[in-house]
Protein backbone atom coordinates (compact mmCIF):
# COMPACT_ATOMS: atom_id res chain seq x y z
CA MET A 1 -0.11 0.09 0.06
CA GLN A 2 2.98 2.40 0.96
CA VAL A 3 4.48 1.62 -2.48
CA VAL A 4 1.36 2.70 -4.37
CA ILE A 5 0.91 5.95 -2.39
CA ILE A 6 4.78 6.60 -2.98
CA LEU A 7 3.91 6.15 -6.80
CA VAL A 8 0.78 8.56 -6.62
CA HIS A 9 2.89 11.05 -4.76
CA LEU A 10 5.67 11.03 -7.31
CA ILE A 11 3.15 11.23 -10.17
CA ILE A 12 1.46 14.24 -8.54
CA VAL A 13 5.03 15.86 -7.99
CA LEU A 14 5.67 15.32 -11.78
CA ALA A 15 2.31 16.77 -12.74
CA MET A 16 2.81 19.78 -10.34
CA ILE A 17 6.09 20.52 -11.88
CA GLY A 18 4.70 20.31 -15.42
CA VAL A 19 1.54 22.66 -14.60
CA VAL A 20 3.88 25.40 -12.94
CA LEU A 21 6.04 25.37 -15.95
CA LEU A 22 3.23 25.77 -18.22
CA GLN A 23 1.95 28.91 -16.40
CA LYS A 24 2.62 32.27 -17.86
CA SER A 25 5.49 34.22 -16.52
CA GLU A 26 4.68 37.37 -14.53
CA GLY A 27 8.18 38.97 -15.27
CA GLY A 28 9.58 38.15 -11.94
CA GLY A 29 12.93 37.62 -10.57
CA LEU A 30 15.35 37.77 -13.84
CA GLY A 31 13.44 40.41 -15.57
CA ILE A 32 12.23 37.99 -18.10
CA GLY A 33 8.65 38.40 -19.05
CA SER A 34 6.78 36.98 -21.87
CA THR A 35 4.63 39.19 -23.90
CA GLY A 36 2.61 36.39 -25.47
CA GLY A 37 2.30 32.78 -26.10
CA PHE A 38 -0.08 30.10 -26.49
CA LEU A 39 -1.01 29.71 -22.74
CA SER A 40 -1.50 33.60 -22.36
CA SER A 41 -5.25 34.03 -22.11
CA ARG A 42 -6.91 34.65 -18.76
CA GLY A 43 -9.08 31.45 -18.75
CA THR A 44 -6.22 29.15 -19.39
CA ALA A 45 -4.24 30.95 -16.34
CA ASN A 46 -7.46 30.35 -14.12
CA VAL A 47 -7.63 26.59 -15.06
CA LEU A 48 -3.72 26.30 -14.41
CA THR A 49 -4.09 28.32 -11.25
CA ARG A 50 -6.86 25.84 -9.89
CA THR A 51 -4.91 22.72 -11.09
CA THR A 52 -1.77 23.72 -9.25
CA ALA A 53 -3.96 24.38 -6.15
CA ALA A 54 -5.66 21.19 -6.45
CA LEU A 55 -2.30 19.40 -7.06
CA ALA A 56 -0.73 21.18 -3.98
CA VAL A 57 -3.57 19.98 -1.68
CA ILE A 58 -3.37 16.39 -3.03
CA PHE A 59 0.51 16.56 -2.57
CA PHE A 60 0.23 17.88 0.92
CA THR A 61 -2.35 15.11 1.84
CA THR A 62 -0.36 12.29 0.41
CA SER A 63 2.81 13.72 2.28
CA LEU A 64 0.89 13.65 5.38
CA PHE A 65 -0.59 10.08 4.86
CA LEU A 66 2.95 8.63 4.21
CA SER A 67 4.31 10.29 7.31
CA ILE A 68 1.38 8.57 9.19
CA LEU A 69 2.24 5.28 7.57
CA ALA A 70 5.86 5.61 8.38
CA GLY A 71 5.23 6.01 12.02
CA TRP A 72 2.26 3.43 12.42
CA ASP A 73 4.25 0.44 13.55
CA ARG A 74 7.01 2.37 15.37
CA LYS A 75 7.45 0.98 18.93
CA PRO A 76 9.12 2.98 21.47
CA SER A 77 12.90 1.94 22.18
CA SER A 78 15.47 2.67 24.50
CA VAL A 79 18.85 4.26 23.19
CA ILE A 80 20.52 2.76 26.07
CA GLN A 81 20.14 -1.06 26.19
CA ASN A 82 19.83 -2.54 29.64
CA THR A 83 22.60 -5.00 30.72
CA GLY A 84 20.23 -7.44 32.37
CA ALA A 85 17.07 -7.79 34.17
CA PRO A 86 16.73 -5.39 37.22
CA THR A 87 17.62 -7.46 40.29
CA GLN A 88 17.11 -6.85 43.93
CA GLN A 89 20.10 -4.68 45.25
CA THR A 90 21.65 -5.76 48.37
CA PRO A 91 24.60 -4.16 50.21
CA SER A 92 26.60 -7.38 49.82
CA GLY A 93 29.39 -5.75 47.49
CA PRO A 94 30.34 -5.51 43.73
CA SER A 95 30.32 -9.41 43.34
CA GLN A 96 26.46 -8.87 42.63
CA GLN A 97 25.50 -7.92 39.16
CA GLY A 98 23.55 -4.63 39.06
CA GLY A 99 20.59 -4.14 36.60
CA GLY A 100 21.31 -1.02 35.03
CA VAL A 101 24.02 1.07 33.27
CA LEU A 102 24.61 3.33 35.92
CA ASP A 103 25.37 0.37 38.39
CA THR A 104 27.80 -1.01 35.84
CA LEU A 105 29.53 2.37 35.51
CA ARG A 106 29.69 2.48 39.49
CA GLN A 107 31.23 -0.86 39.60
CA GLN A 108 33.86 -0.02 37.09
CA GLU A 109 34.98 2.98 39.05
CA GLN A 110 35.15 1.07 42.34
CA GLN A 111 37.61 -1.47 40.58
CA PRO A 112 41.15 -0.67 40.84
CA ALA A 113 42.57 0.54 37.52
CA THR A 114 45.33 -2.07 36.03
CA PRO A 115 47.81 -0.74 33.96
CA PRO A 116 47.99 -1.99 30.65
CA PRO A 117 50.69 -4.61 29.62
CA GLY A 118 53.47 -3.46 27.68
CA PRO A 119 55.79 -0.33 27.80
CA GLN A 120 54.77 2.84 29.62
CA VAL A 121 55.16 6.32 28.42
CA PRO A 122 56.71 8.35 31.33
CA ARG A 123 54.51 11.33 32.63
CA SER A 124 55.64 14.42 33.38
CA GLN A 125 54.73 16.07 36.83
């Protein structure tokens, strides 16, 4: 269903580009104004203006519908994954696994830092 709506959306985009390019220039930005042409009558301008407005409304509607479809099956998720199921905290010490990320970080801070194996760079004091 989403593929069909995307295809309709793209067809509307191409049609809207074509209709906008067919409209008469009002002599805007670059100072280029057409003095005549095959689409210069008022009746054609009204039809093209109304067609552009209708295509814009349909484009807006399909855009909203596609954004609703994109978020339809989205489930909330956490950026931080839990390290395990929450367990009952007892003051027995660091031997028991904590349930969250903060508990894991606290345990890592409490453990003494062991120097990595290999040559050490001297530190200046």
